[in-house]
Amino acid sequence: MARVTRERATARAPIVSTVEALLPQLKAELTSLVRIPSISEAGFSPDPVHEAHDFVADLLRQAGVPEVGQLDLPNTYPIITGEIPAPSGAPTVLLYGHYDVVPPGDESKWHSPPFEPTEKQGALYGRGASDSKANVLAHVGALRAYGGKPPVGIKVVIEGQEEVGSAFNTYPPLDPARFHSDAMVIADMGSVRPGVPTLTVALRGTAVVTIEVKTLAGPKHSGQYGGAAPDALLALLRALASLHDADGNVAVAGLRREAWTGAAYTDAEFRELAELQPGMPCIGTGSLGERLWSGPAITVTGIDVLPVEQAVNAVVPYARAKINLRVHPAQEADDARAALIEHLKQSRPFGIPLEVKPGATGNGFAAKTSGPAYDAARGALATAWGGDTVHVASGGSIPLVSALHTAVPDAEILLLGATDGFSNIHAPNERVLLDEFRKTVIAEALFFEEYATRWAAANGRGA
């Protein structure tokens, strides 16, 4: 095995050397892109978002994409598109990323200004450095490594509104030819921990439900009516409590849960990432991967009732709560939402009926990992990082991935990138490790070559 690894590394040495030579320029361009405050959230100036769009489009042109265009959808920042035709008998790879970022939040909690990129101890700090501008530059670097003539065809899709959602999330099934490809590299993920080559192979789905309880025409004195008058808040709390068992596991029938067999965080890593208070236990039983990725999660994200400061001695006549359900990657989100609604309607706390209103849903994604693109990616990442590639999942949802899978169901979809699990995305002091960035560029460049070879072999066009 060691001999095979050495032979593979030797064979790939020219590409690795080429990427190494490109890194100073790539780092400088990443720094310039991070400096642009391309915040897509409403209320912020749109000018920097358009500036980032133009910057990335120019980088792609310089990297050899012959015709860089854009896709314009209603109320959505422009989506950068481009294409390099496939060499004869070669597959086509779609490269996805996004150039927008979330707001910096409380800037007093940043060690350095969020839009003044700062290099420190092998990391580049700044909003968007990891999510996901380093990944956009990884695409650019991989194309440059071949002088704009990679051994596979290329389609480029770089959007500017991923962080807040847009019409693009549901667009691909309406225009499948635009996205037709044999494999897709969704560069919006990264290593489970620094130094570990990682492919994300599943994403949980999501569903929203709102519960309302109306029991009285108005508040009634708790001394005169309490004990018999139906309290809306007590009914709501009892219904919410029924969603979990005594250990904190979801207790709703019909929600899919399975053992997780891939890699996962250690308990210590999760406690650090989640910032648990000292002595605070995690909830639920089973492995972390099962609780976070291959099982459901139910969170009460909001509740309407009188705040403590305004409380009066009265039976509460009305209460409302909003629930977010995270769904097993392979379960239809609509089916999971229906199971949750049925559970709540059947609960009837103290005999009180609940009004349950369905909200938005989004399906998850479960990759098929046995094709030539996955084989090539595992090999490319293993070479770049110098270790065995592991599989993880994400508890969050990326609606576009499900839409792309619907539009091009036969394409292998690979989720990877420079965004390691400790990057502080969407938080103060976001950073990308420059070594993770370097390895991501190398891995993507190696993937093009490895995939072309494996795809040809799988389709009878090579040895």
Protein backbone atom coordinates (compact mmCIF):
# COMPACT_ATOMS: atom_id res chain seq x y z
CA MET A 1 0.00 0.00 0.00
CA ALA A 2 2.81 2.41 0.87
CA ARG A 3 4.49 1.66 -2.47
CA VAL A 4 1.25 2.39 -4.38
CA THR A 5 0.86 5.67 -2.49
CA ARG A 6 4.45 6.67 -3.32
CA GLU A 7 3.96 5.79 -6.99
CA ARG A 8 0.75 7.78 -7.16
CA ALA A 9 2.40 10.80 -5.51
CA THR A 10 5.30 10.59 -7.97
CA ALA A 11 2.93 10.42 -10.94
CA ARG A 12 1.04 13.46 -9.71
CA ALA A 13 4.13 15.50 -8.83
CA PRO A 14 4.00 17.82 -11.90
CA ILE A 15 0.47 19.00 -11.04
CA VAL A 16 1.39 19.48 -7.38
CA SER A 17 4.46 21.51 -8.35
CA THR A 18 2.40 23.64 -10.71
CA VAL A 19 -0.15 24.41 -8.00
CA GLU A 20 2.59 25.23 -5.49
CA ALA A 21 3.96 27.81 -7.92
CA LEU A 22 0.48 29.35 -8.29
CA LEU A 23 -0.19 29.69 -4.55
CA PRO A 24 1.32 33.14 -3.91
CA GLN A 25 -0.88 34.68 -6.60
CA LEU A 26 -3.92 32.74 -5.44
CA LYS A 27 -3.41 33.87 -1.86
CA ALA A 28 -3.10 37.49 -2.98
CA GLU A 29 -6.31 37.20 -5.00
CA LEU A 30 -8.11 35.54 -2.10
CA THR A 31 -7.03 38.41 0.14
CA SER A 32 -8.39 40.94 -2.36
CA LEU A 33 -11.70 39.07 -2.65
CA VAL A 34 -12.14 38.81 1.14
CA ARG A 35 -11.56 42.55 1.37
CA ILE A 36 -14.78 43.12 -0.63
CA PRO A 37 -17.76 43.21 1.82
CA SER A 38 -20.09 41.27 -0.49
CA ILE A 39 -22.94 40.89 2.02
CA SER A 40 -26.07 39.64 0.29
CA GLU A 41 -28.45 40.19 3.21
CA ALA A 42 -31.12 42.86 2.68
CA GLY A 43 -30.24 46.28 4.06
CA PHE A 44 -26.60 46.24 2.97
CA SER A 45 -25.23 48.03 -0.08
CA PRO A 46 -25.47 45.90 -3.25
CA ASP A 47 -22.41 47.58 -4.77
CA PRO A 48 -19.80 45.32 -3.07
CA VAL A 49 -21.73 42.22 -4.13
CA HIS A 50 -21.54 43.33 -7.75
CA GLU A 51 -17.86 44.20 -7.23
CA ALA A 52 -17.18 40.67 -6.02
CA HIS A 53 -19.10 39.29 -9.00
CA ASP A 54 -16.93 41.24 -11.44
CA PHE A 55 -13.74 40.25 -9.61
CA VAL A 56 -14.55 36.54 -9.76
CA ALA A 57 -15.68 36.74 -13.39
CA ASP A 58 -12.33 38.32 -14.30
CA LEU A 59 -10.44 35.61 -12.42
CA LEU A 60 -12.27 32.93 -14.37
CA ARG A 61 -11.48 34.63 -17.68
CA GLN A 62 -7.82 34.81 -16.69
CA ALA A 63 -7.94 31.13 -15.72
CA GLY A 64 -8.92 30.17 -19.25
CA VAL A 65 -12.72 30.07 -19.24
CA PRO A 66 -13.34 31.37 -22.77
CA GLU A 67 -16.83 32.80 -22.38
CA VAL A 68 -17.86 33.96 -18.93
CA GLY A 69 -21.50 34.99 -18.80
CA GLN A 70 -24.21 35.38 -16.23
CA LEU A 71 -27.64 34.07 -15.40
CA ASP A 72 -30.12 36.69 -14.24
CA LEU A 73 -33.11 35.61 -12.16
CA PRO A 74 -35.75 37.79 -10.47
CA ASN A 75 -34.62 39.57 -7.29
CA THR A 76 -31.33 37.68 -7.30
CA TYR A 77 -27.73 38.80 -7.63
CA PRO A 78 -26.22 37.68 -10.96
CA ILE A 79 -24.98 34.11 -11.22
CA ILE A 80 -21.63 33.72 -12.95
CA THR A 81 -21.58 31.06 -15.65
CA GLY A 82 -18.90 29.74 -17.94
CA GLU A 83 -17.88 26.67 -19.88
CA ILE A 84 -14.80 24.90 -21.21
CA PRO A 85 -15.80 22.23 -23.76
CA ALA A 86 -14.80 18.70 -22.88
CA PRO A 87 -11.97 17.04 -24.80
CA SER A 88 -13.16 14.22 -27.01
CA GLY A 89 -14.34 11.27 -24.93
CA ALA A 90 -13.98 13.12 -21.61
CA PRO A 91 -16.62 13.84 -18.94
CA THR A 92 -17.85 17.26 -17.88
CA VAL A 93 -17.54 18.61 -14.34
CA LEU A 94 -19.71 21.41 -12.97
CA LEU A 95 -17.94 23.68 -10.46
CA TYR A 96 -20.16 25.48 -7.93
CA GLY A 97 -19.39 28.19 -5.40
CA HIS A 98 -20.71 31.49 -4.08
CA TYR A 99 -19.14 34.93 -3.77
CA ASP A 100 -21.53 36.44 -1.21
CA VAL A 101 -21.03 36.43 2.56
CA VAL A 102 -23.04 36.90 5.75
CA PRO A 103 -22.75 40.11 7.84
CA PRO A 104 -19.84 40.27 10.28
CA GLY A 105 -22.06 40.54 13.35
CA ASP A 106 -20.63 42.16 16.48
CA GLU A 107 -17.33 43.52 15.21
CA SER A 108 -16.06 44.04 18.77
CA LYS A 109 -15.70 40.26 19.00
CA TRP A 110 -13.33 40.11 16.03
CA HIS A 111 -9.59 40.07 16.73
CA SER A 112 -9.05 41.96 13.47
CA PRO A 113 -11.47 43.92 11.25
CA PRO A 114 -13.67 41.44 9.34
CA PHE A 115 -13.02 43.00 5.94
CA GLU A 116 -9.33 43.67 6.46
CA PRO A 117 -7.90 40.20 5.75
CA THR A 118 -5.24 39.35 8.31
CA GLU A 119 -2.75 36.49 8.07
CA LYS A 120 -1.77 34.98 11.41
CA GLN A 121 -0.21 31.63 12.33
CA GLY A 122 -0.94 30.00 9.00
CA ALA A 123 -4.50 31.26 8.70
CA LEU A 124 -6.20 34.06 6.80
CA TYR A 125 -8.87 35.79 8.91
CA GLY A 126 -11.80 37.69 7.45
CA ARG A 127 -15.50 37.35 6.75
CA GLY A 128 -15.95 35.00 3.82
CA ALA A 129 -12.36 33.74 3.84
CA SER A 130 -13.61 30.22 4.45
CA ASP A 131 -17.30 30.52 3.50
CA SER A 132 -16.72 30.43 0.67
CA LYS A 133 -14.20 32.63 -1.12
CA ALA A 134 -11.28 30.24 -0.60
CA ASN A 135 -13.34 27.60 -2.35
CA VAL A 136 -14.02 29.91 -5.30
CA LEU A 137 -10.27 30.51 -5.59
CA ALA A 138 -9.71 26.76 -5.42
CA HIS A 139 -11.73 26.42 -8.65
CA VAL A 140 -9.66 29.18 -10.22
CA GLY A 141 -6.40 27.57 -9.11
CA ALA A 142 -7.35 24.12 -10.40
CA LEU A 143 -8.17 25.56 -13.83
CA ARG A 144 -4.93 27.54 -13.92
CA ALA A 145 -2.97 24.38 -13.14
CA TYR A 146 -3.91 23.19 -16.63
CA GLY A 147 -3.52 26.52 -18.35
CA GLY A 148 -7.28 26.67 -18.82
CA LYS A 149 -7.27 23.35 -20.70
CA PRO A 150 -8.15 20.68 -18.14
CA PRO A 151 -8.58 17.03 -19.14
CA VAL A 152 -12.32 17.28 -18.45
CA GLY A 153 -15.03 19.62 -19.65
CA ILE A 154 -15.96 22.37 -17.23
CA LYS A 155 -19.15 24.23 -16.41
CA VAL A 156 -18.91 27.03 -13.87
CA VAL A 157 -21.75 28.26 -11.67
CA ILE A 158 -20.83 30.85 -9.02
CA GLU A 159 -23.77 32.57 -7.34
CA GLY A 160 -24.07 35.70 -5.23
CA GLN A 161 -27.00 35.02 -2.93
CA GLU A 162 -26.37 31.61 -1.35
CA GLU A 163 -26.32 32.94 2.20
CA VAL A 164 -29.88 34.28 2.11
CA GLY A 165 -31.52 32.14 -0.55
CA SER A 166 -32.94 33.17 -3.88
CA ALA A 167 -34.83 32.02 -6.95
CA PHE A 168 -31.73 30.07 -7.91
CA ASN A 169 -32.40 27.49 -5.18
CA THR A 170 -35.29 26.05 -7.18
CA TYR A 171 -34.18 26.99 -10.70
CA PRO A 172 -32.04 24.04 -11.93
CA PRO A 173 -34.96 21.63 -12.60
CA LEU A 174 -36.48 24.32 -14.83
CA ASP A 175 -33.35 24.47 -17.01
CA PRO A 176 -31.60 21.09 -16.66
CA ALA A 177 -29.57 21.39 -19.87
CA ARG A 178 -27.64 24.33 -18.42
CA PHE A 179 -26.42 22.15 -15.56
CA HIS A 180 -25.98 18.87 -17.44
CA SER A 181 -22.70 17.30 -16.36
CA ASP A 182 -21.23 13.98 -15.32
CA ALA A 183 -20.02 15.18 -11.92
CA MET A 184 -20.42 18.28 -9.79
CA VAL A 185 -17.94 19.75 -7.33
CA ILE A 186 -19.91 21.72 -4.76
CA ALA A 187 -17.15 23.69 -3.05
CA ASP A 188 -18.96 24.84 0.07
CA MET A 189 -17.68 22.28 2.59
CA GLY A 190 -14.35 21.00 3.88
CA SER A 191 -12.50 18.77 6.30
CA VAL A 192 -14.17 17.40 9.41
CA ARG A 193 -11.03 18.60 11.18
CA PRO A 194 -7.83 20.16 9.77
CA GLY A 195 -5.56 17.66 8.10
CA VAL A 196 -8.23 15.04 7.34
CA PRO A 197 -9.32 14.72 3.67
CA THR A 198 -13.11 14.74 3.77
CA LEU A 199 -16.08 14.30 1.45
CA THR A 200 -19.53 15.30 2.67
CA VAL A 201 -21.90 12.65 1.38
CA ALA A 202 -25.24 13.59 2.95
CA LEU A 203 -27.26 16.66 3.95
CA ARG A 204 -30.30 16.62 6.21
CA GLY A 205 -33.55 18.06 4.91
CA THR A 206 -35.64 20.65 6.74
CA ALA A 207 -39.27 21.44 7.54
CA VAL A 208 -41.04 24.15 9.51
CA VAL A 209 -44.26 23.86 11.53
CA THR A 210 -46.12 26.45 13.60
CA ILE A 211 -48.40 25.54 16.54
CA GLU A 212 -51.14 27.80 17.88
CA VAL A 213 -53.26 27.29 21.00
CA LYS A 214 -56.33 29.44 21.69
CA THR A 215 -58.27 28.54 24.83
CA LEU A 216 -59.97 31.69 26.19
CA ALA A 217 -61.38 34.93 24.83
CA GLY A 218 -58.90 36.78 27.01
CA PRO A 219 -56.68 36.40 30.11
CA LYS A 220 -58.43 35.45 33.33
CA HIS A 221 -57.33 36.00 36.92
CA SER A 222 -55.22 32.99 37.94
CA GLY A 223 -56.62 33.03 41.47
CA GLN A 224 -60.23 32.92 40.36
CA TYR A 225 -59.90 30.69 37.29
CA GLY A 226 -56.56 28.88 37.56
CA GLY A 227 -56.85 25.14 38.06
CA ALA A 228 -59.88 24.72 35.81
CA ALA A 229 -59.59 27.27 32.99
CA PRO A 230 -57.49 25.81 30.15
CA ASP A 231 -54.10 27.51 30.10
CA ALA A 232 -52.86 27.87 26.50
CA LEU A 233 -49.21 28.08 27.51
CA LEU A 234 -49.37 24.94 29.64
CA ALA A 235 -51.00 23.08 26.75
CA LEU A 236 -48.34 24.30 24.33
CA LEU A 237 -45.50 23.34 26.68
CA ARG A 238 -46.97 19.87 27.18
CA ALA A 239 -47.23 19.38 23.43
CA LEU A 240 -43.66 20.53 22.89
CA ALA A 241 -42.43 18.23 25.67
CA SER A 242 -44.02 15.25 23.90
CA LEU A 243 -41.63 15.66 20.96
CA HIS A 244 -38.70 14.12 22.86
CA ASP A 245 -38.26 11.19 25.22
CA ALA A 246 -36.61 11.37 28.64
CA ASP A 247 -33.12 11.13 27.09
CA GLY A 248 -33.71 13.88 24.53
CA ASN A 249 -34.26 11.62 21.51
CA VAL A 250 -36.95 12.67 19.03
CA ALA A 251 -40.13 10.75 19.89
CA VAL A 252 -42.19 11.34 16.74
CA ALA A 253 -43.24 8.19 14.90
CA GLY A 254 -42.46 8.06 11.19
CA LEU A 255 -39.19 10.02 11.26
CA ARG A 256 -36.29 8.08 9.80
CA ARG A 257 -33.19 7.43 11.88
CA GLU A 258 -30.26 5.14 11.11
CA ALA A 259 -26.80 4.42 12.45
CA TRP A 260 -24.04 6.62 11.04
CA THR A 261 -21.08 4.62 9.68
CA GLY A 262 -18.78 7.42 8.48
CA ALA A 263 -16.42 9.71 10.38
CA ALA A 264 -17.68 12.19 12.96
CA TYR A 265 -16.56 14.70 15.55
CA THR A 266 -15.25 13.46 18.85
CA ASP A 267 -17.31 14.37 21.92
CA ALA A 268 -14.63 16.89 22.92
CA GLU A 269 -14.62 18.48 19.47
CA PHE A 270 -18.39 18.79 19.47
CA ARG A 271 -18.45 20.36 22.93
CA GLU A 272 -15.89 22.91 21.73
CA LEU A 273 -17.70 23.66 18.48
CA ALA A 274 -21.12 23.93 20.16
CA GLU A 275 -19.65 25.99 23.03
CA LEU A 276 -21.40 23.98 25.73
CA GLN A 277 -21.29 25.43 29.20
CA PRO A 278 -19.05 23.50 31.63
CA GLY A 279 -20.79 20.42 32.98
CA MET A 280 -23.66 20.68 30.48
CA PRO A 281 -24.63 17.29 28.98
CA CYS A 282 -25.46 16.66 25.35
CA ILE A 283 -28.98 15.37 24.72
CA GLY A 284 -30.02 12.16 23.03
CA THR A 285 -28.43 8.75 22.78
CA GLY A 286 -26.45 7.00 20.07
CA SER A 287 -23.41 8.24 18.18
CA LEU A 288 -22.89 11.91 17.40
CA GLY A 289 -23.11 11.17 13.68
CA GLU A 290 -26.50 9.54 14.17
CA ARG A 291 -27.85 12.40 16.26
CA LEU A 292 -26.47 15.13 14.01
CA TRP A 293 -26.66 13.64 10.51
CA SER A 294 -28.58 10.39 10.02
CA GLY A 295 -31.42 11.03 12.44
CA PRO A 296 -34.03 13.74 12.96
CA ALA A 297 -33.70 16.80 15.16
CA ILE A 298 -36.48 19.03 16.45
CA THR A 299 -35.78 22.55 17.69
CA VAL A 300 -38.22 25.10 19.05
CA THR A 301 -36.96 28.23 17.30
CA GLY A 302 -39.50 30.71 18.67
CA ILE A 303 -42.34 31.03 21.12
CA ASP A 304 -44.94 33.76 21.58
CA VAL A 305 -46.13 34.47 25.14
CA LEU A 306 -45.96 37.37 27.56
CA PRO A 307 -42.37 38.10 28.60
CA VAL A 308 -41.54 37.72 32.29
CA GLU A 309 -41.22 41.48 32.75
CA GLN A 310 -44.82 41.96 31.60
CA ALA A 311 -46.30 38.92 33.32
CA VAL A 312 -49.54 39.26 35.26
CA ASN A 313 -51.35 36.76 37.47
CA ALA A 314 -53.59 35.44 34.73
CA VAL A 315 -54.36 32.25 32.87
CA VAL A 316 -52.80 32.58 29.41
CA PRO A 317 -55.40 32.51 26.61
CA TYR A 318 -53.09 32.21 23.59
CA ALA A 319 -49.64 30.81 22.83
CA ARG A 320 -47.73 29.99 19.68
CA ALA A 321 -44.47 28.27 18.82
CA LYS A 322 -42.38 27.67 15.70
CA ILE A 323 -40.62 24.35 15.21
CA ASN A 324 -37.72 23.48 12.92
CA LEU A 325 -37.41 19.82 11.97
CA ARG A 326 -34.22 18.41 10.48
CA VAL A 327 -34.86 15.33 8.37
CA HIS A 328 -32.86 12.22 7.49
CA PRO A 329 -31.05 12.88 4.17
CA ALA A 330 -33.03 10.21 2.30
CA GLN A 331 -36.50 10.96 3.72
CA GLU A 332 -38.90 13.22 1.85
CA ALA A 333 -39.21 16.42 3.86
CA ASP A 334 -42.96 16.66 3.16
CA ASP A 335 -43.46 13.16 4.61
CA ALA A 336 -41.46 14.03 7.70
CA ARG A 337 -43.42 17.25 8.19
CA ALA A 338 -46.68 15.29 7.88
CA ALA A 339 -45.51 12.88 10.60
CA LEU A 340 -44.72 15.79 12.92
CA ILE A 341 -48.08 17.45 12.26
CA GLU A 342 -49.93 14.18 12.94
CA HIS A 343 -48.05 13.72 16.22
CA LEU A 344 -48.96 17.22 17.39
CA LYS A 345 -52.61 16.91 16.38
CA GLN A 346 -52.90 13.60 18.21
CA SER A 347 -51.26 14.94 21.36
CA ARG A 348 -54.31 17.02 22.48
CA PRO A 349 -52.73 18.13 25.78
CA PHE A 350 -55.40 18.14 28.56
CA GLY A 351 -57.86 17.42 25.74
CA ILE A 352 -57.10 20.76 24.09
CA PRO A 353 -56.86 20.71 20.27
CA LEU A 354 -53.87 22.38 18.63
CA GLU A 355 -53.89 24.32 15.41
CA VAL A 356 -50.86 23.12 13.47
CA LYS A 357 -49.79 25.00 10.34
CA PRO A 358 -47.30 23.56 7.84
CA GLY A 359 -44.37 25.74 6.78
CA ALA A 360 -41.67 25.44 4.16
CA THR A 361 -39.80 22.21 3.46
CA GLY A 362 -36.55 21.37 1.73
CA ASN A 363 -35.33 17.89 0.87
CA GLY A 364 -31.94 16.66 1.96
CA PHE A 365 -29.39 14.83 -0.14
CA ALA A 366 -27.75 11.41 0.04
CA ALA A 367 -24.94 10.81 -2.43
CA LYS A 368 -24.24 7.62 -4.33
CA THR A 369 -20.57 7.10 -3.59
CA SER A 370 -19.65 4.18 -5.83
CA GLY A 371 -19.05 5.87 -9.19
CA PRO A 372 -15.83 6.93 -10.95
CA ALA A 373 -16.06 10.53 -9.72
CA TYR A 374 -16.17 9.43 -6.08
CA ASP A 375 -13.33 6.97 -6.66
CA ALA A 376 -11.31 9.74 -8.28
CA ALA A 377 -12.10 12.25 -5.55
CA ARG A 378 -11.15 9.88 -2.75
CA GLY A 379 -7.81 9.27 -4.45
CA ALA A 380 -7.17 12.94 -5.21
CA LEU A 381 -7.97 14.07 -1.67
CA ALA A 382 -5.88 11.26 -0.17
CA THR A 383 -2.89 12.35 -2.28
CA ALA A 384 -3.31 16.05 -1.48
CA TRP A 385 -3.74 15.54 2.27
CA GLY A 386 -1.55 12.47 2.66
CA GLY A 387 -4.14 10.32 4.41
CA ASP A 388 -7.24 8.24 3.87
CA THR A 389 -10.33 10.16 2.76
CA VAL A 390 -13.27 9.98 5.17
CA HIS A 391 -17.01 10.53 4.67
CA VAL A 392 -19.09 12.84 6.83
CA ALA A 393 -22.50 14.47 6.58
CA SER A 394 -23.96 17.85 7.44
CA GLY A 395 -26.92 18.56 9.64
CA GLY A 396 -27.56 21.75 7.70
CA SER A 397 -29.40 21.93 4.40
CA ILE A 398 -28.23 23.25 1.03
CA PRO A 399 -31.46 23.43 -1.00
CA LEU A 400 -29.55 23.99 -4.25
CA VAL A 401 -27.87 20.59 -3.98
CA SER A 402 -31.24 18.83 -3.94
CA ALA A 403 -32.35 20.98 -6.89
CA LEU A 404 -29.21 20.12 -8.87
CA HIS A 405 -29.72 16.43 -8.11
CA THR A 406 -33.30 16.68 -9.37
CA ALA A 407 -32.16 18.49 -12.53
CA VAL A 408 -29.29 16.08 -13.31
CA PRO A 409 -30.05 12.88 -11.39
CA ASP A 410 -27.22 10.85 -12.95
CA ALA A 411 -24.45 13.30 -12.02
CA GLU A 412 -22.18 12.38 -9.11
CA ILE A 413 -22.25 15.23 -6.62
CA LEU A 414 -19.13 15.86 -4.53
CA LEU A 415 -19.19 18.25 -1.57
CA LEU A 416 -15.72 19.35 -0.48
CA GLY A 417 -13.52 22.37 0.05
CA ALA A 418 -11.22 24.33 2.35
CA THR A 419 -13.86 25.06 5.01
CA ASP A 420 -12.74 22.84 7.88
CA GLY A 421 -15.04 22.22 10.84
CA PHE A 422 -13.26 24.77 13.02
CA SER A 423 -13.36 27.68 10.53
CA ASN A 424 -15.84 29.81 12.54
CA ILE A 425 -18.09 30.42 9.54
CA HIS A 426 -20.99 32.79 10.28
CA ALA A 427 -19.19 33.73 13.51
CA PRO A 428 -16.53 36.20 14.65
CA ASN A 429 -12.94 35.49 13.58
CA GLU A 430 -13.79 33.36 10.56
CA ARG A 431 -10.61 31.95 9.08
CA VAL A 432 -9.29 29.62 6.44
CA LEU A 433 -6.12 27.64 7.10
CA LEU A 434 -3.80 28.34 4.20
CA ASP A 435 -2.61 24.74 4.22
CA GLU A 436 -6.21 23.52 3.84
CA PHE A 437 -6.62 25.99 0.97
CA ARG A 438 -3.43 24.71 -0.66
CA LYS A 439 -4.53 21.09 -0.35
CA THR A 440 -7.99 21.89 -1.74
CA VAL A 441 -6.49 23.44 -4.89
CA ILE A 442 -4.17 20.45 -5.33
CA ALA A 443 -6.98 17.97 -4.74
CA GLU A 444 -9.30 19.58 -7.27
CA ALA A 445 -6.58 19.76 -9.90
CA LEU A 446 -5.67 16.10 -9.30
CA PHE A 447 -9.35 15.17 -9.41
CA PHE A 448 -9.72 16.46 -12.97
CA GLU A 449 -6.94 14.16 -14.18
CA GLU A 450 -7.95 11.16 -12.07
CA TYR A 451 -11.60 11.47 -13.04
CA ALA A 452 -10.86 11.71 -16.75
CA THR A 453 -8.88 8.47 -16.51
CA ARG A 454 -11.44 6.59 -14.41
CA TRP A 455 -14.40 7.84 -16.44
CA ALA A 456 -12.79 6.67 -19.68
CA ALA A 457 -12.11 3.27 -18.16
CA ALA A 458 -15.65 2.96 -16.81
CA ASN A 459 -17.08 3.84 -20.22
CA GLY A 460 -14.81 1.54 -22.22
CA ARG A 461 -12.66 4.33 -23.59
CA GLY A 462 -9.40 3.56 -21.91
CA ALA A 463 -7.43 1.05 -19.94
